[in-house]
Amino acid sequence: MEDNSNKNFGLSRASFDEMREKLKAGDESLFERVFVKHFNDCRRYLVTQCSASPDDAYDITVETLIRFRQALIEDKIGYDNLRFLFTQMAKQIYLKWLQQGKRLPTSPIDNQADDRIETDEMMFDDETLGLLDTAWQKLGEKCKELLKTHYYDGVQLKKISESIQQSEEAVRKRKERCMRTLKEQFFELYKLHQ
């Protein structure tokens, strides 16, 4: 039998069920203990993989925590790779936040019509993906190569810096500039199509 506890924050199926029942009864202790452990991992993921600022990553992780807790109480989340699900929810909330012009959602109540958990494929329509592709094509070749190598090929910045003989800090700053340029070009195109 496969051990799923690692991808479920160390919870067995029985302890997951116990946590959910306690949440429904108003006892947050187990929930807080479990998710506080993943809080910093999620923040770090948003900063390193999505180029979120540390402050934005903190706010998005808090928002995700609130939504995740509510989904647990409403039995919308089962015992199956909770770590991945939580991180993907955070990523989706962040991307939607960017798409809305950096307007952070304030509470799950404000977003009741869109409270289902979506996959990345469901998140953008063809028009939006087309705009992103156009913004990507406008990037310089060096930016495209750096972002592709880091995000799509999964090569760490340290390895990239070694291969091009530049400091890791210089490569990190270049990556941030490239991401900022891509986002700015995307939002310019997005506003023109509204």
N, C-alpha and C. Protein backbone atom coordinates (compact mmCIF):
# COMPACT_ATOMS: atom_id res chain seq x y z
N MET A 1 0.84 -1.20 0.00
CA MET A 1 0.00 0.00 0.00
C MET A 1 0.88 1.25 0.00
N GLU A 2 0.58 2.19 -0.87
CA GLU A 2 1.39 3.40 -1.01
C GLU A 2 1.18 4.32 0.19
N ASP A 3 2.31 4.92 0.66
CA ASP A 3 2.23 5.87 1.76
C ASP A 3 1.97 7.26 1.19
N ASN A 4 0.78 7.80 1.43
CA ASN A 4 0.40 9.12 0.91
C ASN A 4 0.62 10.23 1.92
N SER A 5 1.17 9.90 3.10
CA SER A 5 1.23 10.91 4.16
C SER A 5 2.15 12.08 3.79
N ASN A 6 3.26 11.82 3.07
CA ASN A 6 4.18 12.91 2.74
C ASN A 6 3.52 13.96 1.85
N LYS A 7 2.76 13.52 0.84
CA LYS A 7 2.12 14.49 -0.04
C LYS A 7 0.84 15.04 0.57
N ASN A 8 0.51 14.58 1.76
CA ASN A 8 -0.67 15.07 2.49
C ASN A 8 -0.29 15.69 3.82
N PHE A 9 0.83 16.43 3.82
CA PHE A 9 1.31 17.15 5.00
C PHE A 9 1.58 16.24 6.19
N GLY A 10 1.93 15.00 5.92
CA GLY A 10 2.22 14.07 7.00
C GLY A 10 0.98 13.46 7.65
N LEU A 11 -0.19 13.76 7.10
CA LEU A 11 -1.44 13.24 7.66
C LEU A 11 -1.77 11.86 7.09
N SER A 12 -2.18 10.97 7.96
CA SER A 12 -2.79 9.72 7.48
C SER A 12 -4.22 10.04 7.10
N ARG A 13 -4.88 9.11 6.43
CA ARG A 13 -6.29 9.35 6.07
C ARG A 13 -7.13 9.58 7.34
N ALA A 14 -6.85 8.82 8.39
CA ALA A 14 -7.61 8.95 9.64
C ALA A 14 -7.38 10.32 10.28
N SER A 15 -6.13 10.79 10.29
CA SER A 15 -5.86 12.10 10.90
C SER A 15 -6.41 13.23 10.05
N PHE A 16 -6.45 13.03 8.72
CA PHE A 16 -7.09 14.02 7.84
C PHE A 16 -8.58 14.13 8.17
N ASP A 17 -9.25 12.97 8.30
CA ASP A 17 -10.67 12.98 8.64
C ASP A 17 -10.91 13.63 10.00
N GLU A 18 -10.00 13.34 10.94
CA GLU A 18 -10.11 13.95 12.28
C GLU A 18 -9.96 15.46 12.20
N MET A 19 -8.99 15.94 11.41
CA MET A 19 -8.78 17.37 11.26
C MET A 19 -10.03 18.04 10.69
N ARG A 20 -10.62 17.43 9.67
CA ARG A 20 -11.80 18.01 9.04
C ARG A 20 -12.97 18.07 10.01
N GLU A 21 -13.17 17.01 10.78
CA GLU A 21 -14.26 17.00 11.76
C GLU A 21 -14.03 18.04 12.85
N LYS A 22 -12.79 18.19 13.29
CA LYS A 22 -12.48 19.21 14.30
C LYS A 22 -12.74 20.61 13.75
N LEU A 23 -12.36 20.84 12.47
CA LEU A 23 -12.61 22.14 11.85
C LEU A 23 -14.10 22.46 11.85
N LYS A 24 -14.89 21.47 11.50
CA LYS A 24 -16.35 21.67 11.46
C LYS A 24 -16.90 21.99 12.84
N ALA A 25 -16.23 21.48 13.88
CA ALA A 25 -16.67 21.72 15.26
C ALA A 25 -16.05 23.00 15.84
N GLY A 26 -15.23 23.70 15.04
CA GLY A 26 -14.62 24.94 15.51
C GLY A 26 -13.25 24.80 16.13
N ASP A 27 -12.68 23.59 16.13
CA ASP A 27 -11.35 23.36 16.69
C ASP A 27 -10.33 23.46 15.57
N GLU A 28 -9.53 24.53 15.56
CA GLU A 28 -8.58 24.81 14.48
C GLU A 28 -7.18 24.28 14.78
N SER A 29 -6.96 23.70 15.94
CA SER A 29 -5.59 23.41 16.39
C SER A 29 -4.81 22.51 15.43
N LEU A 30 -5.39 21.40 15.00
CA LEU A 30 -4.68 20.49 14.11
C LEU A 30 -4.48 21.13 12.73
N PHE A 31 -5.50 21.81 12.23
CA PHE A 31 -5.39 22.50 10.95
C PHE A 31 -4.23 23.50 10.97
N GLU A 32 -4.17 24.32 12.01
CA GLU A 32 -3.11 25.32 12.11
C GLU A 32 -1.74 24.66 12.18
N ARG A 33 -1.61 23.62 12.96
CA ARG A 33 -0.32 22.94 13.11
C ARG A 33 0.15 22.36 11.78
N VAL A 34 -0.77 21.78 11.04
CA VAL A 34 -0.42 21.15 9.75
C VAL A 34 -0.08 22.19 8.70
N PHE A 35 -0.92 23.19 8.53
CA PHE A 35 -0.74 24.11 7.41
C PHE A 35 0.30 25.19 7.67
N VAL A 36 0.58 25.50 8.91
CA VAL A 36 1.66 26.44 9.20
C VAL A 36 2.98 25.88 8.68
N LYS A 37 3.13 24.56 8.74
CA LYS A 37 4.35 23.92 8.23
C LYS A 37 4.52 24.17 6.73
N HIS A 38 3.44 24.19 5.99
CA HIS A 38 3.53 24.36 4.53
C HIS A 38 3.48 25.83 4.11
N PHE A 39 3.14 26.72 5.01
CA PHE A 39 2.96 28.13 4.68
C PHE A 39 4.20 28.70 4.00
N ASN A 40 5.37 28.53 4.61
CA ASN A 40 6.60 29.09 4.05
C ASN A 40 7.00 28.41 2.75
N ASP A 41 6.74 27.11 2.63
CA ASP A 41 7.03 26.42 1.37
C ASP A 41 6.21 27.02 0.23
N CYS A 42 4.95 27.30 0.51
CA CYS A 42 4.07 27.87 -0.50
C CYS A 42 4.52 29.28 -0.88
N ARG A 43 4.85 30.07 0.12
CA ARG A 43 5.35 31.43 -0.14
C ARG A 43 6.59 31.38 -1.01
N ARG A 44 7.52 30.49 -0.66
CA ARG A 44 8.78 30.36 -1.40
C ARG A 44 8.50 29.94 -2.86
N TYR A 45 7.56 29.03 -3.05
CA TYR A 45 7.18 28.59 -4.39
C TYR A 45 6.67 29.77 -5.23
N LEU A 46 5.80 30.59 -4.65
CA LEU A 46 5.26 31.73 -5.38
C LEU A 46 6.35 32.73 -5.76
N VAL A 47 7.31 32.92 -4.87
CA VAL A 47 8.40 33.85 -5.15
C VAL A 47 9.33 33.29 -6.22
N THR A 48 9.76 32.04 -6.07
CA THR A 48 10.75 31.48 -6.98
C THR A 48 10.17 31.01 -8.31
N GLN A 49 8.97 30.46 -8.30
CA GLN A 49 8.42 29.89 -9.53
C GLN A 49 7.44 30.82 -10.26
N CYS A 50 6.86 31.77 -9.54
CA CYS A 50 5.88 32.67 -10.16
C CYS A 50 6.34 34.12 -10.16
N SER A 51 7.53 34.37 -9.62
CA SER A 51 8.09 35.72 -9.54
C SER A 51 7.24 36.70 -8.74
N ALA A 52 6.52 36.19 -7.75
CA ALA A 52 5.74 37.07 -6.86
C ALA A 52 6.70 37.76 -5.90
N SER A 53 6.35 38.97 -5.49
CA SER A 53 7.15 39.62 -4.46
C SER A 53 6.89 38.90 -3.13
N PRO A 54 7.82 39.00 -2.18
CA PRO A 54 7.58 38.33 -0.88
C PRO A 54 6.28 38.78 -0.21
N ASP A 55 5.95 40.06 -0.30
CA ASP A 55 4.70 40.55 0.31
C ASP A 55 3.48 39.97 -0.39
N ASP A 56 3.52 39.97 -1.73
CA ASP A 56 2.39 39.41 -2.48
C ASP A 56 2.25 37.92 -2.19
N ALA A 57 3.39 37.20 -2.13
CA ALA A 57 3.35 35.76 -1.86
C ALA A 57 2.73 35.49 -0.50
N TYR A 58 3.05 36.32 0.48
CA TYR A 58 2.47 36.16 1.82
C TYR A 58 0.95 36.33 1.76
N ASP A 59 0.49 37.41 1.10
CA ASP A 59 -0.95 37.68 1.01
C ASP A 59 -1.69 36.57 0.27
N ILE A 60 -1.09 36.11 -0.81
CA ILE A 60 -1.73 35.05 -1.60
C ILE A 60 -1.81 33.76 -0.79
N THR A 61 -0.76 33.45 -0.03
CA THR A 61 -0.76 32.22 0.77
C THR A 61 -1.82 32.30 1.87
N VAL A 62 -1.97 33.47 2.48
CA VAL A 62 -3.02 33.65 3.48
C VAL A 62 -4.39 33.45 2.84
N GLU A 63 -4.60 34.05 1.68
CA GLU A 63 -5.88 33.91 0.96
C GLU A 63 -6.15 32.43 0.64
N THR A 64 -5.11 31.72 0.21
CA THR A 64 -5.25 30.30 -0.11
C THR A 64 -5.61 29.51 1.13
N LEU A 65 -4.98 29.83 2.24
CA LEU A 65 -5.26 29.16 3.50
C LEU A 65 -6.73 29.31 3.89
N ILE A 66 -7.25 30.51 3.72
CA ILE A 66 -8.65 30.78 4.05
C ILE A 66 -9.58 29.95 3.16
N ARG A 67 -9.29 29.96 1.87
CA ARG A 67 -10.14 29.22 0.93
C ARG A 67 -10.03 27.71 1.13
N PHE A 68 -8.82 27.26 1.39
CA PHE A 68 -8.60 25.82 1.57
C PHE A 68 -9.35 25.34 2.80
N ARG A 69 -9.28 26.11 3.88
CA ARG A 69 -9.98 25.77 5.12
C ARG A 69 -11.48 25.66 4.86
N GLN A 70 -12.03 26.64 4.13
CA GLN A 70 -13.47 26.64 3.84
C GLN A 70 -13.84 25.43 2.98
N ALA A 71 -13.00 25.11 2.01
CA ALA A 71 -13.27 23.96 1.14
C ALA A 71 -13.22 22.65 1.92
N LEU A 72 -12.34 22.57 2.91
CA LEU A 72 -12.29 21.38 3.76
C LEU A 72 -13.59 21.23 4.56
N ILE A 73 -14.03 22.33 5.14
CA ILE A 73 -15.25 22.31 5.95
C ILE A 73 -16.45 21.91 5.10
N GLU A 74 -16.46 22.34 3.84
CA GLU A 74 -17.58 22.05 2.95
C GLU A 74 -17.42 20.73 2.19
N ASP A 75 -16.44 19.94 2.61
CA ASP A 75 -16.18 18.62 1.99
C ASP A 75 -15.90 18.70 0.49
N LYS A 76 -15.27 19.80 0.05
CA LYS A 76 -14.93 19.94 -1.36
C LYS A 76 -13.54 19.40 -1.66
N ILE A 77 -12.80 19.07 -0.61
CA ILE A 77 -11.43 18.56 -0.76
C ILE A 77 -11.33 17.23 -0.04
N GLY A 78 -10.82 16.23 -0.73
CA GLY A 78 -10.61 14.92 -0.13
C GLY A 78 -9.14 14.66 0.14
N TYR A 79 -8.87 13.52 0.68
CA TYR A 79 -7.50 13.12 1.04
C TYR A 79 -6.80 12.61 -0.21
N ASP A 80 -6.08 13.51 -0.88
CA ASP A 80 -5.35 13.10 -2.07
C ASP A 80 -4.40 14.21 -2.49
N ASN A 81 -3.13 14.08 -2.18
CA ASN A 81 -2.08 15.03 -2.57
C ASN A 81 -2.44 16.47 -2.20
N LEU A 82 -2.69 16.68 -0.92
CA LEU A 82 -3.08 17.99 -0.41
C LEU A 82 -2.01 19.05 -0.63
N ARG A 83 -0.76 18.66 -0.50
CA ARG A 83 0.36 19.62 -0.69
C ARG A 83 0.31 20.21 -2.09
N PHE A 84 0.19 19.36 -3.10
CA PHE A 84 0.13 19.82 -4.49
C PHE A 84 -1.11 20.68 -4.71
N LEU A 85 -2.23 20.24 -4.21
CA LEU A 85 -3.48 20.97 -4.39
C LEU A 85 -3.41 22.37 -3.79
N PHE A 86 -2.88 22.46 -2.58
CA PHE A 86 -2.76 23.75 -1.90
C PHE A 86 -1.87 24.70 -2.72
N THR A 87 -0.74 24.19 -3.17
CA THR A 87 0.20 25.02 -3.94
C THR A 87 -0.41 25.45 -5.26
N GLN A 88 -1.14 24.55 -5.94
CA GLN A 88 -1.78 24.91 -7.20
C GLN A 88 -2.89 25.94 -7.00
N MET A 89 -3.62 25.82 -5.89
CA MET A 89 -4.64 26.83 -5.59
C MET A 89 -3.98 28.19 -5.42
N ALA A 90 -2.85 28.23 -4.70
CA ALA A 90 -2.13 29.49 -4.49
C ALA A 90 -1.68 30.07 -5.83
N LYS A 91 -1.17 29.22 -6.69
CA LYS A 91 -0.71 29.68 -8.01
C LYS A 91 -1.87 30.25 -8.82
N GLN A 92 -3.02 29.57 -8.80
CA GLN A 92 -4.19 30.05 -9.54
C GLN A 92 -4.69 31.38 -9.00
N ILE A 93 -4.74 31.50 -7.69
CA ILE A 93 -5.19 32.76 -7.08
C ILE A 93 -4.24 33.89 -7.48
N TYR A 94 -2.95 33.62 -7.47
CA TYR A 94 -1.95 34.63 -7.85
C TYR A 94 -2.12 35.02 -9.32
N LEU A 95 -2.27 34.04 -10.20
CA LEU A 95 -2.41 34.35 -11.63
C LEU A 95 -3.69 35.14 -11.91
N LYS A 96 -4.77 34.78 -11.22
CA LYS A 96 -6.02 35.54 -11.38
C LYS A 96 -5.84 36.96 -10.87
N TRP A 97 -5.13 37.08 -9.78
CA TRP A 97 -4.86 38.39 -9.20
C TRP A 97 -4.07 39.25 -10.18
N LEU A 98 -3.07 38.67 -10.83
CA LEU A 98 -2.31 39.40 -11.85
C LEU A 98 -3.20 39.78 -13.02
N GLN A 99 -4.04 38.85 -13.44
CA GLN A 99 -4.92 39.07 -14.58
C GLN A 99 -5.89 40.22 -14.30
N GLN A 100 -6.25 40.39 -13.04
CA GLN A 100 -7.18 41.45 -12.66
C GLN A 100 -6.46 42.76 -12.37
N GLY A 101 -5.20 42.87 -12.76
CA GLY A 101 -4.46 44.11 -12.55
C GLY A 101 -3.98 44.28 -11.13
N LYS A 102 -3.53 43.19 -10.53
CA LYS A 102 -2.98 43.20 -9.17
C LYS A 102 -3.99 43.68 -8.15
N ARG A 103 -5.21 43.22 -8.27
CA ARG A 103 -6.22 43.52 -7.26
C ARG A 103 -6.42 42.25 -6.45
N LEU A 104 -5.88 42.25 -5.24
CA LEU A 104 -5.91 41.06 -4.39
C LEU A 104 -7.34 40.76 -3.96
N PRO A 105 -7.78 39.50 -4.13
CA PRO A 105 -9.10 39.14 -3.60
C PRO A 105 -9.12 39.33 -2.09
N THR A 106 -10.27 39.77 -1.58
CA THR A 106 -10.33 40.07 -0.16
C THR A 106 -10.87 38.94 0.68
N SER A 107 -11.77 38.17 0.15
CA SER A 107 -12.27 37.04 0.93
C SER A 107 -12.98 36.06 0.01
N PRO A 108 -13.15 34.83 0.45
CA PRO A 108 -13.85 33.85 -0.36
C PRO A 108 -15.28 34.28 -0.70
N ILE A 109 -15.89 35.07 0.18
CA ILE A 109 -17.27 35.51 -0.04
C ILE A 109 -17.34 36.37 -1.30
N ASP A 110 -16.29 37.18 -1.54
CA ASP A 110 -16.27 38.03 -2.72
C ASP A 110 -16.17 37.23 -4.01
N ASN A 111 -15.78 35.97 -3.90
CA ASN A 111 -15.52 35.17 -5.08
C ASN A 111 -16.37 33.91 -5.11
N GLN A 112 -17.57 33.94 -4.53
CA GLN A 112 -18.39 32.74 -4.42
C GLN A 112 -18.75 32.14 -5.77
N ALA A 113 -18.93 32.97 -6.77
CA ALA A 113 -19.31 32.44 -8.07
C ALA A 113 -18.16 31.66 -8.70
N ASP A 114 -16.93 31.87 -8.20
CA ASP A 114 -15.77 31.24 -8.82
C ASP A 114 -14.96 30.49 -7.77
N ASP A 115 -15.65 29.75 -6.89
CA ASP A 115 -14.95 29.10 -5.79
C ASP A 115 -14.56 27.66 -6.09
N ARG A 116 -14.79 27.19 -7.31
CA ARG A 116 -14.40 25.82 -7.61
C ARG A 116 -12.89 25.78 -7.86
N ILE A 117 -12.33 24.63 -7.67
CA ILE A 117 -10.90 24.44 -7.91
C ILE A 117 -10.73 24.10 -9.37
N GLU A 118 -9.90 24.89 -10.05
CA GLU A 118 -9.73 24.71 -11.49
C GLU A 118 -8.35 24.13 -11.78
N THR A 119 -8.23 23.52 -12.93
CA THR A 119 -6.91 23.11 -13.40
C THR A 119 -6.33 24.25 -14.20
N ASP A 120 -5.00 24.23 -14.42
CA ASP A 120 -4.37 25.29 -15.20
C ASP A 120 -4.98 25.39 -16.59
N GLU A 121 -5.35 24.25 -17.18
CA GLU A 121 -5.89 24.27 -18.53
C GLU A 121 -7.22 25.01 -18.59
N MET A 122 -7.99 24.98 -17.50
CA MET A 122 -9.30 25.61 -17.47
C MET A 122 -9.21 27.10 -17.19
N MET A 123 -8.05 27.55 -16.79
CA MET A 123 -7.95 28.88 -16.27
C MET A 123 -8.00 29.97 -17.34
N PHE A 124 -7.37 29.75 -18.50
CA PHE A 124 -7.30 30.77 -19.53
C PHE A 124 -8.04 30.32 -20.78
N ASP A 125 -8.76 31.25 -21.40
CA ASP A 125 -9.39 30.91 -22.66
C ASP A 125 -8.37 31.09 -23.79
N ASP A 126 -8.76 30.71 -24.99
CA ASP A 126 -7.84 30.76 -26.13
C ASP A 126 -7.36 32.18 -26.42
N GLU A 127 -8.25 33.16 -26.26
CA GLU A 127 -7.87 34.55 -26.53
C GLU A 127 -6.77 35.01 -25.57
N THR A 128 -6.93 34.70 -24.29
CA THR A 128 -5.93 35.10 -23.30
C THR A 128 -4.60 34.42 -23.57
N LEU A 129 -4.65 33.14 -23.89
CA LEU A 129 -3.41 32.42 -24.22
C LEU A 129 -2.76 33.01 -25.47
N GLY A 130 -3.57 33.44 -26.43
CA GLY A 130 -3.04 34.08 -27.63
C GLY A 130 -2.32 35.38 -27.29
N LEU A 131 -2.91 36.16 -26.36
CA LEU A 131 -2.27 37.41 -25.93
C LEU A 131 -0.94 37.13 -25.24
N LEU A 132 -0.94 36.09 -24.42
CA LEU A 132 0.30 35.72 -23.74
C LEU A 132 1.37 35.31 -24.74
N ASP A 133 0.96 34.56 -25.76
CA ASP A 133 1.90 34.14 -26.80
C ASP A 133 2.45 35.35 -27.56
N THR A 134 1.59 36.32 -27.86
CA THR A 134 2.05 37.54 -28.54
C THR A 134 3.04 38.30 -27.67
N ALA A 135 2.74 38.41 -26.37
CA ALA A 135 3.66 39.08 -25.44
C ALA A 135 5.00 38.33 -25.40
N TRP A 136 4.93 37.01 -25.40
CA TRP A 136 6.15 36.19 -25.38
C TRP A 136 6.99 36.45 -26.63
N GLN A 137 6.34 36.54 -27.80
CA GLN A 137 7.07 36.74 -29.05
C GLN A 137 7.77 38.10 -29.08
N LYS A 138 7.25 39.07 -28.33
CA LYS A 138 7.86 40.40 -28.28
C LYS A 138 9.12 40.44 -27.42
N LEU A 139 9.30 39.43 -26.57
CA LEU A 139 10.48 39.39 -25.71
C LEU A 139 11.74 39.21 -26.55
N GLY A 140 12.85 39.73 -26.05
CA GLY A 140 14.13 39.50 -26.70
C GLY A 140 14.53 38.04 -26.59
N GLU A 141 15.41 37.60 -27.50
CA GLU A 141 15.82 36.20 -27.52
C GLU A 141 16.50 35.76 -26.22
N LYS A 142 17.32 36.64 -25.63
CA LYS A 142 18.01 36.27 -24.38
C LYS A 142 17.01 36.05 -23.25
N CYS A 143 15.98 36.89 -23.20
CA CYS A 143 14.95 36.72 -22.17
C CYS A 143 14.18 35.42 -22.41
N LYS A 144 13.80 35.17 -23.64
CA LYS A 144 13.07 33.95 -23.95
C LYS A 144 13.88 32.72 -23.56
N GLU A 145 15.16 32.74 -23.89
CA GLU A 145 16.02 31.59 -23.59
C GLU A 145 16.15 31.38 -22.08
N LEU A 146 16.35 32.48 -21.34
CA LEU A 146 16.50 32.38 -19.89
C LEU A 146 15.21 31.85 -19.24
N LEU A 147 14.07 32.43 -19.60
CA LEU A 147 12.81 32.01 -18.99
C LEU A 147 12.46 30.58 -19.38
N LYS A 148 12.69 30.22 -20.62
CA LYS A 148 12.41 28.86 -21.06
C LYS A 148 13.29 27.86 -20.30
N THR A 149 14.57 28.17 -20.19
CA THR A 149 15.50 27.27 -19.51
C THR A 149 15.12 27.10 -18.04
N HIS A 150 14.76 28.20 -17.40
CA HIS A 150 14.45 28.15 -15.97
C HIS A 150 13.07 27.54 -15.70
N TYR A 151 12.03 28.05 -16.37
CA TYR A 151 10.67 27.62 -16.04
C TYR A 151 10.24 26.34 -16.74
N TYR A 152 10.54 26.21 -18.02
CA TYR A 152 10.06 25.04 -18.75
C TYR A 152 11.00 23.85 -18.61
N ASP A 153 12.32 24.12 -18.67
CA ASP A 153 13.28 23.02 -18.56
C ASP A 153 13.62 22.70 -17.10
N GLY A 154 13.25 23.61 -16.19
CA GLY A 154 13.45 23.37 -14.76
C GLY A 154 14.89 23.50 -14.29
N VAL A 155 15.71 24.25 -15.01
CA VAL A 155 17.12 24.42 -14.62
C VAL A 155 17.21 25.53 -13.57
N GLN A 156 17.90 25.24 -12.49
CA GLN A 156 18.03 26.22 -11.41
C GLN A 156 18.91 27.39 -11.86
N LEU A 157 18.65 28.56 -11.28
CA LEU A 157 19.40 29.76 -11.65
C LEU A 157 20.90 29.59 -11.40
N LYS A 158 21.25 28.87 -10.36
CA LYS A 158 22.66 28.65 -10.06
C LYS A 158 23.36 27.94 -11.22
N LYS A 159 22.71 26.92 -11.76
CA LYS A 159 23.29 26.16 -12.89
C LYS A 159 23.36 27.02 -14.14
N ILE A 160 22.32 27.84 -14.36
CA ILE A 160 22.34 28.74 -15.52
C ILE A 160 23.49 29.72 -15.38
N SER A 161 23.67 30.28 -14.18
CA SER A 161 24.73 31.27 -13.97
C SER A 161 26.11 30.65 -14.21
N GLU A 162 26.28 29.39 -13.81
CA GLU A 162 27.56 28.72 -14.04
C GLU A 162 27.80 28.50 -15.53
N SER A 163 26.75 28.13 -16.26
CA SER A 163 26.93 27.83 -17.68
C SER A 163 27.21 29.07 -18.52
N ILE A 164 26.70 30.24 -18.08
CA ILE A 164 26.96 31.47 -18.84
C ILE A 164 28.00 32.36 -18.17
N GLN A 165 28.56 31.86 -17.09
CA GLN A 165 29.65 32.53 -16.36
C GLN A 165 29.27 33.94 -15.91
N GLN A 166 28.11 34.01 -15.27
CA GLN A 166 27.66 35.24 -14.62
C GLN A 166 27.26 34.89 -13.19
N SER A 167 27.23 35.90 -12.33
CA SER A 167 26.84 35.62 -10.95
C SER A 167 25.37 35.22 -10.90
N GLU A 168 25.04 34.43 -9.89
CA GLU A 168 23.65 34.00 -9.72
C GLU A 168 22.74 35.20 -9.50
N GLU A 169 23.23 36.19 -8.76
CA GLU A 169 22.44 37.40 -8.50
C GLU A 169 22.13 38.16 -9.79
N ALA A 170 23.13 38.24 -10.69
CA ALA A 170 22.92 38.93 -11.98
C ALA A 170 21.88 38.19 -12.81
N VAL A 171 21.94 36.86 -12.80
CA VAL A 171 20.97 36.05 -13.56
C VAL A 171 19.59 36.20 -12.95
N ARG A 172 19.51 36.22 -11.61
CA ARG A 172 18.22 36.38 -10.94
C ARG A 172 17.59 37.74 -11.31
N LYS A 173 18.40 38.80 -11.30
CA LYS A 173 17.88 40.13 -11.64
C LYS A 173 17.42 40.18 -13.09
N ARG A 174 18.19 39.54 -13.97
CA ARG A 174 17.80 39.50 -15.38
C ARG A 174 16.48 38.75 -15.55
N LYS A 175 16.34 37.64 -14.83
CA LYS A 175 15.09 36.87 -14.90
C LYS A 175 13.91 37.72 -14.43
N GLU A 176 14.10 38.47 -13.35
CA GLU A 176 13.04 39.33 -12.82
C GLU A 176 12.67 40.41 -13.82
N ARG A 177 13.69 41.01 -14.48
CA ARG A 177 13.41 42.03 -15.50
C ARG A 177 12.64 41.43 -16.67
N CYS A 178 13.04 40.24 -17.08
CA CYS A 178 12.37 39.57 -18.20
C CYS A 178 10.91 39.27 -17.85
N MET A 179 10.67 38.77 -16.64
CA MET A 179 9.30 38.47 -16.21
C MET A 179 8.47 39.75 -16.13
N ARG A 180 9.08 40.81 -15.61
CA ARG A 180 8.36 42.08 -15.50
C ARG A 180 7.98 42.58 -16.90
N THR A 181 8.92 42.49 -17.85
CA THR A 181 8.66 42.91 -19.23
C THR A 181 7.54 42.08 -19.84
N LEU A 182 7.59 40.76 -19.63
CA LEU A 182 6.55 39.88 -20.17
C LEU A 182 5.18 40.25 -19.60
N LYS A 183 5.12 40.46 -18.29
CA LYS A 183 3.85 40.83 -17.65
C LYS A 183 3.33 42.16 -18.17
N GLU A 184 4.23 43.14 -18.29
CA GLU A 184 3.81 44.47 -18.77
C GLU A 184 3.27 44.38 -20.18
N GLN A 185 3.96 43.62 -21.05
CA GLN A 185 3.50 43.48 -22.43
C GLN A 185 2.16 42.75 -22.48
N PHE A 186 2.02 41.73 -21.64
CA PHE A 186 0.75 40.99 -21.60
C PHE A 186 -0.38 41.91 -21.18
N PHE A 187 -0.18 42.70 -20.10
CA PHE A 187 -1.26 43.56 -19.61
C PHE A 187 -1.61 44.68 -20.58
N GLU A 188 -0.60 45.18 -21.32
CA GLU A 188 -0.90 46.18 -22.35
C GLU A 188 -1.82 45.59 -23.41
N LEU A 189 -1.48 44.40 -23.87
CA LEU A 189 -2.31 43.72 -24.87
C LEU A 189 -3.68 43.38 -24.31
N TYR A 190 -3.72 42.94 -23.06
CA TYR A 190 -4.98 42.56 -22.41
C TYR A 190 -5.93 43.75 -22.32
N LYS A 191 -5.37 44.93 -21.95
CA LYS A 191 -6.21 46.13 -21.83
C LYS A 191 -6.76 46.55 -23.18
N LEU A 192 -5.96 46.39 -24.25
CA LEU A 192 -6.42 46.77 -25.59
C LEU A 192 -7.58 45.89 -26.07
N HIS A 193 -7.66 44.66 -25.54
CA HIS A 193 -8.69 43.71 -25.98
C HIS A 193 -9.93 43.73 -25.08
N GLN A 194 -9.98 44.63 -24.12
CA GLN A 194 -11.14 44.69 -23.22
C GLN A 194 -12.21 45.60 -23.78
